[in-house]
N, C-alpha and C. Protein backbone atom coordinates (compact mmCIF):
# COMPACT_ATOMS: atom_id res chain seq x y z
N MET A 1 0.83 -1.18 -0.01
CA MET A 1 -0.02 0.01 0.01
C MET A 1 0.89 1.24 -0.01
N ALA A 2 0.63 2.17 -0.91
CA ALA A 2 1.40 3.43 -0.98
C ALA A 2 0.96 4.34 0.18
N ARG A 3 1.94 4.89 0.86
CA ARG A 3 1.69 5.79 1.95
C ARG A 3 2.22 7.16 1.62
N PRO A 4 1.56 8.22 2.14
CA PRO A 4 2.10 9.56 1.90
C PRO A 4 3.41 9.72 2.63
N LYS A 5 4.31 10.51 2.05
CA LYS A 5 5.64 10.69 2.68
C LYS A 5 5.52 11.37 4.03
N THR A 6 4.57 12.27 4.15
CA THR A 6 4.33 12.96 5.43
C THR A 6 2.83 13.04 5.68
N ASP A 7 2.47 13.14 6.94
CA ASP A 7 1.05 13.30 7.25
C ASP A 7 0.52 14.59 6.64
N ASP A 8 -0.67 14.52 6.12
CA ASP A 8 -1.32 15.66 5.48
C ASP A 8 -2.62 15.96 6.20
N PRO A 9 -2.65 16.84 7.16
CA PRO A 9 -3.87 17.13 7.90
C PRO A 9 -4.99 17.66 7.03
N VAL A 10 -4.65 18.34 5.93
CA VAL A 10 -5.66 18.86 5.04
C VAL A 10 -6.39 17.71 4.32
N ALA A 11 -5.62 16.76 3.89
CA ALA A 11 -6.22 15.59 3.21
C ALA A 11 -7.05 14.79 4.20
N ARG A 12 -6.56 14.64 5.40
CA ARG A 12 -7.33 13.93 6.42
C ARG A 12 -8.67 14.61 6.71
N ALA A 13 -8.61 15.92 6.78
CA ALA A 13 -9.82 16.71 7.05
C ALA A 13 -10.79 16.58 5.86
N ARG A 14 -10.27 16.52 4.65
CA ARG A 14 -11.15 16.37 3.47
C ARG A 14 -11.82 15.00 3.49
N ILE A 15 -11.10 13.99 3.90
CA ILE A 15 -11.66 12.63 4.00
C ILE A 15 -12.80 12.62 5.01
N LEU A 16 -12.57 13.24 6.13
CA LEU A 16 -13.60 13.25 7.18
C LEU A 16 -14.84 14.04 6.70
N ALA A 17 -14.62 15.15 6.05
CA ALA A 17 -15.74 15.96 5.56
C ALA A 17 -16.52 15.22 4.51
N ALA A 18 -15.82 14.55 3.58
CA ALA A 18 -16.50 13.81 2.52
C ALA A 18 -17.27 12.64 3.12
N ALA A 19 -16.68 11.93 4.06
CA ALA A 19 -17.32 10.80 4.72
C ALA A 19 -18.55 11.23 5.48
N GLU A 20 -18.43 12.36 6.18
CA GLU A 20 -19.57 12.85 6.93
C GLU A 20 -20.77 13.14 6.02
N ALA A 21 -20.53 13.76 4.88
CA ALA A 21 -21.61 14.10 3.95
C ALA A 21 -22.22 12.81 3.33
N LEU A 22 -21.36 11.88 2.93
CA LEU A 22 -21.85 10.65 2.30
C LEU A 22 -22.57 9.75 3.29
N PHE A 23 -22.04 9.58 4.50
CA PHE A 23 -22.71 8.74 5.47
C PHE A 23 -24.06 9.31 5.86
N ALA A 24 -24.17 10.63 5.92
CA ALA A 24 -25.40 11.24 6.29
C ALA A 24 -26.45 11.01 5.17
N GLU A 25 -26.00 11.03 3.92
CA GLU A 25 -26.93 10.91 2.78
C GLU A 25 -27.33 9.44 2.52
N HIS A 26 -26.38 8.52 2.68
CA HIS A 26 -26.63 7.14 2.26
C HIS A 26 -26.56 6.10 3.39
N GLY A 27 -26.11 6.52 4.58
CA GLY A 27 -25.94 5.55 5.67
C GLY A 27 -24.63 4.80 5.54
N PHE A 28 -24.28 4.11 6.59
CA PHE A 28 -23.00 3.41 6.66
C PHE A 28 -22.89 2.35 5.55
N ALA A 29 -23.94 1.56 5.40
CA ALA A 29 -23.92 0.46 4.46
C ALA A 29 -23.94 0.94 3.01
N GLY A 30 -24.42 2.15 2.78
CA GLY A 30 -24.60 2.62 1.40
C GLY A 30 -23.42 3.35 0.82
N VAL A 31 -22.31 3.38 1.57
CA VAL A 31 -21.14 4.14 1.10
C VAL A 31 -19.92 3.24 1.07
N GLY A 32 -19.10 3.37 0.00
CA GLY A 32 -17.88 2.61 -0.10
C GLY A 32 -16.64 3.49 0.00
N VAL A 33 -15.50 2.87 0.26
CA VAL A 33 -14.26 3.58 0.42
C VAL A 33 -13.90 4.37 -0.86
N ARG A 34 -14.11 3.75 -2.03
CA ARG A 34 -13.78 4.43 -3.27
C ARG A 34 -14.64 5.71 -3.43
N GLN A 35 -15.88 5.59 -3.04
CA GLN A 35 -16.79 6.72 -3.16
C GLN A 35 -16.32 7.90 -2.29
N ILE A 36 -15.89 7.57 -1.07
CA ILE A 36 -15.38 8.58 -0.14
C ILE A 36 -14.10 9.18 -0.71
N ALA A 37 -13.22 8.35 -1.20
CA ALA A 37 -11.94 8.81 -1.73
C ALA A 37 -12.17 9.77 -2.92
N ALA A 38 -13.07 9.39 -3.82
CA ALA A 38 -13.36 10.24 -4.97
C ALA A 38 -13.92 11.59 -4.54
N SER A 39 -14.83 11.59 -3.57
CA SER A 39 -15.42 12.84 -3.11
C SER A 39 -14.38 13.69 -2.41
N ALA A 40 -13.43 13.07 -1.71
CA ALA A 40 -12.42 13.83 -0.99
C ALA A 40 -11.26 14.24 -1.89
N GLY A 41 -11.17 13.70 -3.06
CA GLY A 41 -10.07 13.99 -4.01
C GLY A 41 -8.76 13.34 -3.57
N VAL A 42 -8.88 12.12 -2.97
CA VAL A 42 -7.69 11.39 -2.60
C VAL A 42 -7.81 9.96 -3.13
N ASN A 43 -6.75 9.16 -2.98
CA ASN A 43 -6.86 7.75 -3.36
C ASN A 43 -7.24 6.90 -2.16
N GLY A 44 -7.75 5.72 -2.43
CA GLY A 44 -8.22 4.85 -1.35
C GLY A 44 -7.12 4.49 -0.35
N ALA A 45 -5.89 4.46 -0.84
CA ALA A 45 -4.78 4.09 0.08
C ALA A 45 -4.64 5.11 1.21
N MET A 46 -4.97 6.37 0.95
CA MET A 46 -4.86 7.39 1.99
C MET A 46 -5.90 7.16 3.09
N ILE A 47 -7.09 6.70 2.69
CA ILE A 47 -8.11 6.39 3.71
C ILE A 47 -7.62 5.24 4.61
N HIS A 48 -7.06 4.22 3.98
CA HIS A 48 -6.56 3.07 4.74
C HIS A 48 -5.38 3.51 5.63
N TYR A 49 -4.59 4.42 5.13
CA TYR A 49 -3.41 4.91 5.94
C TYR A 49 -3.85 5.63 7.16
N TYR A 50 -4.83 6.56 7.02
CA TYR A 50 -5.25 7.39 8.12
C TYR A 50 -6.27 6.69 9.06
N PHE A 51 -7.08 5.82 8.50
CA PHE A 51 -8.20 5.28 9.29
C PHE A 51 -8.26 3.76 9.32
N GLY A 52 -7.58 3.07 8.46
CA GLY A 52 -7.61 1.63 8.46
C GLY A 52 -8.63 1.06 7.54
N ASN A 53 -9.91 1.34 7.80
CA ASN A 53 -10.98 0.81 6.96
C ASN A 53 -12.23 1.76 7.10
N LYS A 54 -13.28 1.42 6.40
CA LYS A 54 -14.48 2.25 6.42
C LYS A 54 -15.08 2.37 7.81
N GLU A 55 -15.13 1.26 8.54
CA GLU A 55 -15.76 1.29 9.84
C GLU A 55 -14.96 2.17 10.79
N SER A 56 -13.66 2.09 10.71
CA SER A 56 -12.82 2.93 11.57
C SER A 56 -13.00 4.40 11.26
N LEU A 57 -13.16 4.73 9.98
CA LEU A 57 -13.40 6.09 9.57
C LEU A 57 -14.76 6.58 10.11
N TYR A 58 -15.75 5.72 10.03
CA TYR A 58 -17.08 6.06 10.51
C TYR A 58 -17.03 6.30 12.04
N ARG A 59 -16.34 5.42 12.72
CA ARG A 59 -16.21 5.54 14.16
C ARG A 59 -15.46 6.84 14.55
N ALA A 60 -14.45 7.19 13.71
CA ALA A 60 -13.69 8.38 13.97
C ALA A 60 -14.55 9.64 13.89
N LEU A 61 -15.49 9.64 12.95
CA LEU A 61 -16.42 10.76 12.87
C LEU A 61 -17.19 10.97 14.17
N ILE A 62 -17.76 9.87 14.68
CA ILE A 62 -18.57 9.95 15.88
C ILE A 62 -17.70 10.33 17.08
N GLU A 63 -16.53 9.70 17.14
CA GLU A 63 -15.63 9.94 18.26
C GLU A 63 -15.12 11.38 18.28
N ASN A 64 -14.79 11.90 17.09
CA ASN A 64 -14.34 13.29 17.00
C ASN A 64 -15.41 14.25 17.50
N ALA A 65 -16.68 13.97 17.16
CA ALA A 65 -17.77 14.81 17.61
C ALA A 65 -17.93 14.78 19.10
N ALA A 66 -17.84 13.59 19.72
CA ALA A 66 -17.98 13.45 21.18
C ALA A 66 -16.83 14.16 21.89
N MET A 67 -15.62 14.06 21.34
CA MET A 67 -14.45 14.69 21.96
C MET A 67 -14.58 16.22 21.86
N THR A 68 -15.10 16.70 20.71
CA THR A 68 -15.25 18.15 20.55
C THR A 68 -16.25 18.69 21.55
N VAL A 69 -17.38 18.00 21.71
CA VAL A 69 -18.42 18.44 22.66
C VAL A 69 -17.85 18.43 24.08
N ARG A 70 -17.05 17.41 24.39
CA ARG A 70 -16.41 17.38 25.72
C ARG A 70 -15.56 18.62 25.96
N GLY A 71 -14.81 18.99 24.95
CA GLY A 71 -13.97 20.18 25.07
C GLY A 71 -14.78 21.46 25.26
N LEU A 72 -15.90 21.55 24.56
CA LEU A 72 -16.73 22.74 24.69
C LEU A 72 -17.36 22.84 26.08
N ILE A 73 -17.81 21.71 26.59
CA ILE A 73 -18.37 21.71 27.95
C ILE A 73 -17.32 22.05 28.98
N ALA A 74 -16.15 21.41 28.87
CA ALA A 74 -15.09 21.63 29.80
C ALA A 74 -14.65 23.08 29.83
N GLU A 75 -14.51 23.70 28.65
CA GLU A 75 -14.09 25.10 28.57
C GLU A 75 -15.10 26.03 29.18
N ALA A 76 -16.39 25.73 28.95
CA ALA A 76 -17.45 26.62 29.47
C ALA A 76 -17.62 26.50 30.99
N THR A 77 -17.63 25.23 31.47
CA THR A 77 -17.94 25.00 32.87
C THR A 77 -16.72 25.27 33.79
N ALA A 78 -15.55 25.33 33.23
CA ALA A 78 -14.34 25.55 34.08
C ALA A 78 -14.11 27.02 34.40
N SER A 79 -14.86 27.90 33.70
CA SER A 79 -14.61 29.34 33.93
C SER A 79 -15.21 29.79 35.26
N ALA A 80 -14.78 30.93 35.72
CA ALA A 80 -15.25 31.46 37.01
C ALA A 80 -16.41 32.42 36.86
N GLN A 81 -17.11 32.29 35.76
CA GLN A 81 -18.23 33.20 35.50
C GLN A 81 -19.49 32.71 36.20
N THR A 82 -20.57 33.52 36.11
CA THR A 82 -21.85 33.08 36.65
C THR A 82 -22.36 31.93 35.82
N LEU A 83 -23.37 31.21 36.35
CA LEU A 83 -23.94 30.08 35.61
C LEU A 83 -24.53 30.56 34.30
N GLU A 84 -25.22 31.68 34.30
CA GLU A 84 -25.81 32.22 33.10
C GLU A 84 -24.77 32.50 32.02
N GLU A 85 -23.64 33.06 32.45
CA GLU A 85 -22.56 33.34 31.49
C GLU A 85 -21.94 32.04 30.96
N ARG A 86 -21.77 31.08 31.84
CA ARG A 86 -21.16 29.81 31.41
C ARG A 86 -22.10 29.06 30.46
N LEU A 87 -23.37 29.07 30.77
CA LEU A 87 -24.34 28.37 29.90
C LEU A 87 -24.42 29.07 28.53
N THR A 88 -24.40 30.40 28.55
CA THR A 88 -24.47 31.17 27.32
C THR A 88 -23.24 30.81 26.44
N ARG A 89 -22.11 30.77 27.08
CA ARG A 89 -20.86 30.44 26.36
C ARG A 89 -20.95 29.05 25.76
N PHE A 90 -21.46 28.10 26.52
CA PHE A 90 -21.60 26.69 26.04
C PHE A 90 -22.59 26.63 24.89
N VAL A 91 -23.76 27.24 25.04
CA VAL A 91 -24.79 27.15 24.00
C VAL A 91 -24.28 27.72 22.71
N LYS A 92 -23.59 28.85 22.77
CA LYS A 92 -23.04 29.47 21.55
C LYS A 92 -22.05 28.52 20.86
N ALA A 93 -21.15 27.96 21.66
CA ALA A 93 -20.13 27.07 21.10
C ALA A 93 -20.74 25.79 20.54
N TYR A 94 -21.67 25.21 21.29
CA TYR A 94 -22.28 23.96 20.88
C TYR A 94 -23.13 24.15 19.64
N ALA A 95 -23.95 25.16 19.65
CA ALA A 95 -24.80 25.46 18.48
C ALA A 95 -23.93 25.76 17.25
N GLY A 96 -22.85 26.52 17.44
CA GLY A 96 -21.94 26.79 16.33
C GLY A 96 -21.37 25.54 15.75
N TYR A 97 -21.01 24.59 16.61
CA TYR A 97 -20.42 23.35 16.15
C TYR A 97 -21.46 22.52 15.42
N LEU A 98 -22.65 22.41 15.97
CA LEU A 98 -23.72 21.62 15.32
C LEU A 98 -24.10 22.21 13.94
N PHE A 99 -24.23 23.51 13.93
CA PHE A 99 -24.65 24.18 12.66
C PHE A 99 -23.52 24.08 11.61
N GLY A 100 -22.28 24.01 12.09
CA GLY A 100 -21.13 23.90 11.18
C GLY A 100 -20.94 22.49 10.67
N HIS A 101 -21.60 21.52 11.33
CA HIS A 101 -21.53 20.11 10.93
C HIS A 101 -22.93 19.53 10.84
N PRO A 102 -23.72 20.04 9.89
CA PRO A 102 -25.13 19.67 9.84
C PRO A 102 -25.42 18.21 9.60
N ASN A 103 -24.42 17.53 9.04
CA ASN A 103 -24.66 16.07 8.72
C ASN A 103 -24.49 15.16 9.94
N LEU A 104 -23.89 15.66 11.01
CA LEU A 104 -23.66 14.80 12.18
C LEU A 104 -25.00 14.38 12.80
N ALA A 105 -25.92 15.30 12.86
CA ALA A 105 -27.23 14.97 13.41
C ALA A 105 -27.93 13.91 12.57
N ARG A 106 -27.77 13.99 11.25
CA ARG A 106 -28.39 12.99 10.36
C ARG A 106 -27.72 11.64 10.53
N ILE A 107 -26.42 11.62 10.73
CA ILE A 107 -25.70 10.36 10.96
C ILE A 107 -26.17 9.72 12.26
N LEU A 108 -26.27 10.49 13.31
CA LEU A 108 -26.68 9.96 14.61
C LEU A 108 -28.15 9.51 14.54
N ALA A 109 -28.98 10.21 13.81
CA ALA A 109 -30.38 9.80 13.67
C ALA A 109 -30.47 8.47 12.91
N ARG A 110 -29.68 8.32 11.86
CA ARG A 110 -29.64 7.06 11.12
C ARG A 110 -29.13 5.93 12.01
N GLU A 111 -28.13 6.22 12.82
CA GLU A 111 -27.57 5.23 13.72
C GLU A 111 -28.65 4.73 14.70
N MET A 112 -29.38 5.64 15.29
CA MET A 112 -30.38 5.24 16.27
C MET A 112 -31.49 4.43 15.65
N ILE A 113 -31.91 4.80 14.44
CA ILE A 113 -32.93 4.05 13.73
C ILE A 113 -32.45 2.64 13.44
N ALA A 114 -31.15 2.52 13.12
CA ALA A 114 -30.60 1.21 12.75
C ALA A 114 -30.17 0.39 13.95
N GLY A 115 -30.39 0.90 15.15
CA GLY A 115 -30.04 0.13 16.38
C GLY A 115 -28.87 0.70 17.13
N GLY A 116 -28.14 1.65 16.56
CA GLY A 116 -27.08 2.34 17.27
C GLY A 116 -25.85 1.51 17.57
N LYS A 117 -25.50 0.56 16.70
CA LYS A 117 -24.35 -0.30 16.94
C LYS A 117 -23.08 0.49 17.25
N HIS A 118 -22.74 1.43 16.33
CA HIS A 118 -21.49 2.17 16.48
C HIS A 118 -21.61 3.19 17.61
N VAL A 119 -22.75 3.83 17.71
CA VAL A 119 -22.93 4.82 18.79
C VAL A 119 -22.75 4.19 20.15
N PHE A 120 -23.38 3.04 20.36
CA PHE A 120 -23.31 2.39 21.68
C PHE A 120 -21.94 1.79 21.96
N ASP A 121 -21.13 1.60 20.92
CA ASP A 121 -19.77 1.12 21.13
C ASP A 121 -18.83 2.29 21.55
N ILE A 122 -19.14 3.48 21.04
CA ILE A 122 -18.22 4.62 21.19
C ILE A 122 -18.62 5.57 22.31
N LEU A 123 -19.88 6.01 22.28
CA LEU A 123 -20.28 7.12 23.12
C LEU A 123 -20.25 6.84 24.64
N PRO A 124 -20.45 5.58 25.08
CA PRO A 124 -20.35 5.37 26.55
C PRO A 124 -19.02 5.82 27.15
N LYS A 125 -17.97 5.96 26.31
CA LYS A 125 -16.68 6.46 26.82
C LYS A 125 -16.73 7.96 27.09
N TYR A 126 -17.69 8.65 26.46
CA TYR A 126 -17.70 10.09 26.54
C TYR A 126 -18.94 10.66 27.21
N ILE A 127 -20.10 10.04 27.03
CA ILE A 127 -21.32 10.58 27.54
C ILE A 127 -21.29 10.82 29.07
N PRO A 128 -20.80 9.80 29.88
CA PRO A 128 -20.81 10.03 31.32
C PRO A 128 -20.03 11.28 31.76
N THR A 129 -18.84 11.49 31.15
CA THR A 129 -18.02 12.62 31.48
C THR A 129 -18.65 13.93 31.03
N ASN A 130 -19.17 13.95 29.79
CA ASN A 130 -19.82 15.15 29.28
C ASN A 130 -21.01 15.53 30.12
N TYR A 131 -21.82 14.53 30.48
CA TYR A 131 -23.01 14.73 31.29
C TYR A 131 -22.61 15.20 32.69
N ALA A 132 -21.61 14.55 33.26
CA ALA A 132 -21.18 14.89 34.62
C ALA A 132 -20.69 16.33 34.75
N MET A 133 -20.03 16.83 33.70
CA MET A 133 -19.53 18.20 33.78
C MET A 133 -20.68 19.20 33.82
N LEU A 134 -21.68 19.00 32.98
CA LEU A 134 -22.83 19.90 32.97
C LEU A 134 -23.64 19.76 34.28
N ARG A 135 -23.85 18.50 34.71
CA ARG A 135 -24.58 18.27 35.93
C ARG A 135 -23.87 18.90 37.13
N GLY A 136 -22.51 18.79 37.12
CA GLY A 136 -21.76 19.35 38.24
C GLY A 136 -21.93 20.86 38.31
N ALA A 137 -21.89 21.54 37.17
CA ALA A 137 -22.07 23.02 37.16
C ALA A 137 -23.43 23.38 37.66
N MET A 138 -24.42 22.59 37.29
CA MET A 138 -25.80 22.93 37.73
C MET A 138 -25.98 22.61 39.21
N THR A 139 -25.36 21.53 39.67
CA THR A 139 -25.44 21.17 41.11
C THR A 139 -24.81 22.27 41.94
N GLU A 140 -23.69 22.77 41.51
CA GLU A 140 -22.97 23.85 42.21
C GLU A 140 -23.87 25.10 42.26
N ALA A 141 -24.58 25.35 41.14
CA ALA A 141 -25.44 26.53 41.09
C ALA A 141 -26.64 26.40 42.01
N VAL A 142 -27.15 25.20 42.20
CA VAL A 142 -28.25 24.99 43.16
C VAL A 142 -27.75 25.24 44.57
N ARG A 143 -26.60 24.74 44.88
CA ARG A 143 -26.02 24.92 46.23
C ARG A 143 -25.72 26.38 46.54
N SER A 144 -25.30 27.12 45.54
CA SER A 144 -24.93 28.52 45.74
C SER A 144 -26.16 29.45 45.69
N GLY A 145 -27.30 28.90 45.23
CA GLY A 145 -28.53 29.71 45.17
C GLY A 145 -28.75 30.31 43.81
N GLU A 146 -27.89 30.09 42.81
CA GLU A 146 -28.11 30.60 41.50
C GLU A 146 -29.30 29.93 40.81
N LEU A 147 -29.51 28.65 41.11
CA LEU A 147 -30.65 27.89 40.62
C LEU A 147 -31.53 27.45 41.78
N ARG A 148 -32.82 27.36 41.52
CA ARG A 148 -33.71 26.79 42.49
C ARG A 148 -33.52 25.26 42.47
N GLU A 149 -34.20 24.58 43.38
CA GLU A 149 -34.15 23.12 43.39
C GLU A 149 -34.82 22.61 42.12
N ILE A 150 -34.10 21.85 41.33
CA ILE A 150 -34.63 21.29 40.07
C ILE A 150 -34.25 19.81 40.02
N ASP A 151 -34.79 19.12 39.01
CA ASP A 151 -34.42 17.73 38.80
C ASP A 151 -33.01 17.75 38.15
N ILE A 152 -32.01 17.63 38.98
CA ILE A 152 -30.63 17.84 38.54
C ILE A 152 -30.18 16.73 37.59
N ASP A 153 -30.86 15.58 37.62
CA ASP A 153 -30.48 14.51 36.70
C ASP A 153 -30.96 14.79 35.28
N LEU A 154 -32.15 15.37 35.16
CA LEU A 154 -32.71 15.60 33.83
C LEU A 154 -32.32 16.96 33.24
N ALA A 155 -31.94 17.88 34.09
CA ALA A 155 -31.66 19.26 33.58
C ALA A 155 -30.57 19.31 32.52
N PRO A 156 -29.44 18.63 32.65
CA PRO A 156 -28.43 18.69 31.59
C PRO A 156 -28.93 18.14 30.26
N ILE A 157 -29.74 17.06 30.35
CA ILE A 157 -30.30 16.49 29.12
C ILE A 157 -31.28 17.45 28.46
N SER A 158 -32.08 18.11 29.29
CA SER A 158 -33.04 19.09 28.75
C SER A 158 -32.32 20.24 28.06
N LEU A 159 -31.25 20.73 28.63
CA LEU A 159 -30.51 21.81 28.04
C LEU A 159 -29.91 21.38 26.69
N MET A 160 -29.31 20.22 26.65
CA MET A 160 -28.75 19.73 25.37
C MET A 160 -29.81 19.57 24.31
N GLY A 161 -30.98 19.04 24.75
CA GLY A 161 -32.07 18.83 23.81
C GLY A 161 -32.59 20.13 23.22
N MET A 162 -32.58 21.19 24.02
CA MET A 162 -33.06 22.49 23.55
C MET A 162 -32.19 23.02 22.45
N ILE A 163 -30.93 22.61 22.42
CA ILE A 163 -30.01 23.05 21.37
C ILE A 163 -30.06 22.12 20.16
N VAL A 164 -30.00 20.82 20.42
CA VAL A 164 -29.95 19.85 19.33
C VAL A 164 -31.14 19.87 18.46
N VAL A 165 -32.32 20.16 19.04
CA VAL A 165 -33.55 20.13 18.25
C VAL A 165 -33.52 21.13 17.09
N PHE A 166 -32.76 22.21 17.22
CA PHE A 166 -32.68 23.18 16.18
C PHE A 166 -31.91 22.66 14.95
N GLN A 167 -31.05 21.70 15.18
CA GLN A 167 -30.34 21.06 14.06
C GLN A 167 -31.14 19.90 13.52
N LEU A 168 -31.78 19.11 14.41
CA LEU A 168 -32.52 17.95 13.96
C LEU A 168 -33.68 18.28 13.03
N ILE A 169 -34.37 19.39 13.32
CA ILE A 169 -35.52 19.77 12.46
C ILE A 169 -35.22 21.11 11.79
N ARG A 170 -33.98 21.31 11.45
CA ARG A 170 -33.54 22.55 10.79
C ARG A 170 -34.35 22.94 9.57
N PRO A 171 -34.65 22.04 8.65
CA PRO A 171 -35.45 22.44 7.48
C PRO A 171 -36.82 22.97 7.84
N LEU A 172 -37.47 22.34 8.84
CA LEU A 172 -38.79 22.81 9.26
C LEU A 172 -38.70 24.19 9.92
N ILE A 173 -37.65 24.40 10.72
CA ILE A 173 -37.45 25.67 11.39
C ILE A 173 -37.22 26.76 10.37
N MET A 174 -36.39 26.47 9.39
CA MET A 174 -36.09 27.46 8.36
C MET A 174 -37.34 27.83 7.56
N HIS A 175 -38.21 26.83 7.35
CA HIS A 175 -39.47 27.12 6.63
C HIS A 175 -40.39 27.90 7.53
N GLY A 176 -40.52 27.48 8.80
CA GLY A 176 -41.46 28.16 9.71
C GLY A 176 -41.08 29.53 10.06
N LEU A 177 -39.77 29.82 10.13
CA LEU A 177 -39.30 31.15 10.47
C LEU A 177 -38.97 32.04 9.28
N GLY A 178 -39.37 31.55 8.11
CA GLY A 178 -39.13 32.38 6.92
C GLY A 178 -37.73 32.27 6.36
N ASN A 179 -37.22 31.03 6.26
CA ASN A 179 -35.92 30.75 5.66
C ASN A 179 -34.82 31.50 6.39
N VAL A 180 -34.87 31.45 7.74
CA VAL A 180 -33.86 32.12 8.55
C VAL A 180 -32.48 31.50 8.31
N LYS A 181 -31.44 32.33 8.39
CA LYS A 181 -30.08 31.84 8.22
C LYS A 181 -29.50 31.39 9.58
N PHE A 182 -28.90 30.24 9.60
CA PHE A 182 -28.29 29.72 10.83
C PHE A 182 -26.86 30.28 10.93
N ASP A 183 -26.78 31.57 11.09
CA ASP A 183 -25.48 32.26 11.11
C ASP A 183 -25.15 32.70 12.53
N GLU A 184 -24.08 33.51 12.67
CA GLU A 184 -23.64 33.96 14.00
C GLU A 184 -24.76 34.77 14.69
N ARG A 185 -25.46 35.56 13.94
CA ARG A 185 -26.54 36.35 14.51
C ARG A 185 -27.62 35.45 15.10
N PHE A 186 -27.97 34.42 14.34
CA PHE A 186 -28.99 33.47 14.82
C PHE A 186 -28.48 32.73 16.08
N ILE A 187 -27.19 32.35 16.09
CA ILE A 187 -26.63 31.65 17.24
C ILE A 187 -26.69 32.53 18.47
N GLU A 188 -26.41 33.83 18.33
CA GLU A 188 -26.54 34.77 19.45
C GLU A 188 -27.98 34.76 19.96
N ARG A 189 -28.90 34.84 19.04
CA ARG A 189 -30.33 34.87 19.37
C ARG A 189 -30.72 33.56 20.08
N LEU A 190 -30.29 32.46 19.54
CA LEU A 190 -30.64 31.13 20.10
C LEU A 190 -30.03 30.99 21.51
N ALA A 191 -28.81 31.43 21.69
CA ALA A 191 -28.17 31.30 23.01
C ALA A 191 -28.92 32.13 24.04
N ALA A 192 -29.26 33.38 23.70
CA ALA A 192 -30.03 34.22 24.64
C ALA A 192 -31.37 33.62 24.97
N HIS A 193 -32.07 33.12 23.97
CA HIS A 193 -33.37 32.49 24.17
C HIS A 193 -33.26 31.22 25.04
N THR A 194 -32.35 30.32 24.68
CA THR A 194 -32.21 29.06 25.34
C THR A 194 -31.89 29.22 26.82
N VAL A 195 -30.90 30.06 27.10
CA VAL A 195 -30.45 30.28 28.48
C VAL A 195 -31.56 30.97 29.30
N ASP A 196 -32.20 31.95 28.70
CA ASP A 196 -33.31 32.63 29.38
C ASP A 196 -34.44 31.65 29.72
N LEU A 197 -34.83 30.84 28.72
CA LEU A 197 -35.92 29.88 28.95
C LEU A 197 -35.55 28.85 29.93
N PHE A 198 -34.29 28.35 29.86
CA PHE A 198 -33.82 27.33 30.81
C PHE A 198 -33.76 27.84 32.24
N LEU A 199 -33.24 29.03 32.41
CA LEU A 199 -33.06 29.58 33.74
C LEU A 199 -34.32 30.19 34.36
N ASN A 200 -35.16 30.82 33.47
CA ASN A 200 -36.30 31.58 34.00
C ASN A 200 -37.63 31.00 33.67
N GLY A 201 -37.70 30.06 32.74
CA GLY A 201 -39.02 29.51 32.36
C GLY A 201 -39.78 30.50 31.50
N ALA A 202 -41.03 30.15 31.17
CA ALA A 202 -41.83 30.99 30.30
C ALA A 202 -42.99 31.63 31.03
N ALA A 203 -43.25 31.23 32.31
CA ALA A 203 -44.36 31.77 33.08
C ALA A 203 -44.10 33.25 33.40
N LYS A 204 -45.15 34.05 33.34
CA LYS A 204 -45.00 35.46 33.67
C LYS A 204 -44.86 35.62 35.18
N ARG A 205 -43.88 36.35 35.60
CA ARG A 205 -43.62 36.59 37.00
C ARG A 205 -44.41 37.77 37.50
N GLY A 206 -44.69 37.77 38.80
CA GLY A 206 -45.44 38.88 39.39
C GLY A 206 -44.61 40.15 39.36
N GLN A 207 -45.26 41.28 39.35
CA GLN A 207 -44.62 42.56 39.27
C GLN A 207 -43.93 42.94 40.58
N HIS A 208 -44.30 42.27 41.67
CA HIS A 208 -43.83 42.66 42.98
C HIS A 208 -43.00 41.54 43.61
N GLY A 209 -42.01 41.05 42.88
CA GLY A 209 -41.09 40.09 43.48
C GLY A 209 -41.32 38.71 42.87
N ALA A 210 -40.77 37.69 43.56
CA ALA A 210 -40.80 36.32 43.03
C ALA A 210 -42.19 35.76 43.03
N SER A 211 -42.42 34.76 42.17
CA SER A 211 -43.71 34.08 42.12
C SER A 211 -43.91 33.24 43.35
N GLY A 212 -45.15 32.80 43.57
CA GLY A 212 -45.44 31.96 44.72
C GLY A 212 -44.60 30.70 44.69
N ARG A 213 -44.43 30.09 43.54
CA ARG A 213 -43.67 28.90 43.45
C ARG A 213 -42.22 29.13 43.84
N ASP A 214 -41.66 30.31 43.39
CA ASP A 214 -40.29 30.65 43.75
C ASP A 214 -40.13 30.82 45.24
N LYS A 215 -41.12 31.46 45.87
CA LYS A 215 -41.05 31.68 47.30
C LYS A 215 -41.11 30.35 48.07
N ARG A 216 -41.98 29.47 47.62
CA ARG A 216 -42.08 28.19 48.26
C ARG A 216 -40.77 27.37 48.10
N THR A 217 -40.21 27.44 46.89
CA THR A 217 -38.97 26.72 46.62
C THR A 217 -37.82 27.26 47.46
N THR A 218 -37.75 28.57 47.54
CA THR A 218 -36.68 29.21 48.35
C THR A 218 -36.83 28.85 49.81
N ALA A 219 -38.06 28.87 50.27
CA ALA A 219 -38.26 28.49 51.69
C ALA A 219 -37.88 27.06 51.97
N ALA A 220 -38.24 26.17 51.04
CA ALA A 220 -37.91 24.74 51.18
C ALA A 220 -36.40 24.53 51.17
N ARG A 221 -35.71 25.29 50.30
CA ARG A 221 -34.27 25.17 50.21
C ARG A 221 -33.57 25.66 51.50
N ARG A 222 -34.10 26.78 52.02
CA ARG A 222 -33.56 27.31 53.29
C ARG A 222 -33.75 26.34 54.44
N ALA A 223 -34.98 25.72 54.45
CA ALA A 223 -35.26 24.75 55.54
C ALA A 223 -34.34 23.57 55.39
N LYS A 224 -34.07 23.16 54.14
CA LYS A 224 -33.17 22.00 53.91
C LYS A 224 -31.77 22.31 54.37
N VAL A 225 -31.32 23.54 54.16
CA VAL A 225 -29.98 23.93 54.56
C VAL A 225 -29.86 23.94 56.09
N LYS A 226 -30.90 24.42 56.77
CA LYS A 226 -30.91 24.49 58.21
C LYS A 226 -30.83 23.11 58.81
N ARG A 227 -31.57 22.15 58.19
CA ARG A 227 -31.55 20.76 58.70
C ARG A 227 -30.16 20.15 58.54
C-alpha cells in the first residue's frame, strides 16, 4: 500500500468531511471507500493509511464529535463566570459546532434508527463525562442559590435537547421562520433564548417580586440547609 511521505492534515480533514456528507446521505452500508476517496479527492490508500478501513473512519467521525463536545463543555464550565454566562458560552459554542456540521445529526439519527451499533460502542466512553460536567455545574449553582431546586439528573439532558432540536428539524425551522439563516446572529439569538428559557421559564412573574412557586422553593431550600 502506498503511503504519503508525510502526514497531510488537510487531506485527512477532506476525507472526514466527505465521509460525513456521504454517510449522512446514504448511511454506513450505502457508502464505499472508493466513493469517499473520490469525493475527498484522494486515493483509497490514503483512507486506509489514516483510518484503516471504512468502519474505523465512521467511528472516527462519531468519536471526534464526542471529543469536541467534551472540550466545549469543559471550557465553558471551568470558567469562574456566573452560571448564566457559562451556559451562554456553552450554548453558543455547541450550536456553532452543530450548525457547522449539519450532517452529524443525520448520521446519529440514522444510527439510532438502525439500532445504534457504532454509537453504543463509542459514546459510553464520553457521555458520562460530558453529562457529569454539565450536571456538576448545575449542582454547584443549586447549592450557591443561582438555581432553584430542580431535577438535577434531567436538567443537563433538557438543556442539550433544547439546542440539538434546532439542528434535527432545521429544514422545518427554516421554513417556519421564513428561511432564517443559521449564522452567527442566529446563534446569538438562540443562546439568549435558550439560556433565558432554561433559567427563567416561560411563566409570567409577578410585578412585585418572586412568584409563589419561587417563594415556596426558596423557603424549602432554606429549611433543607438548616436541617
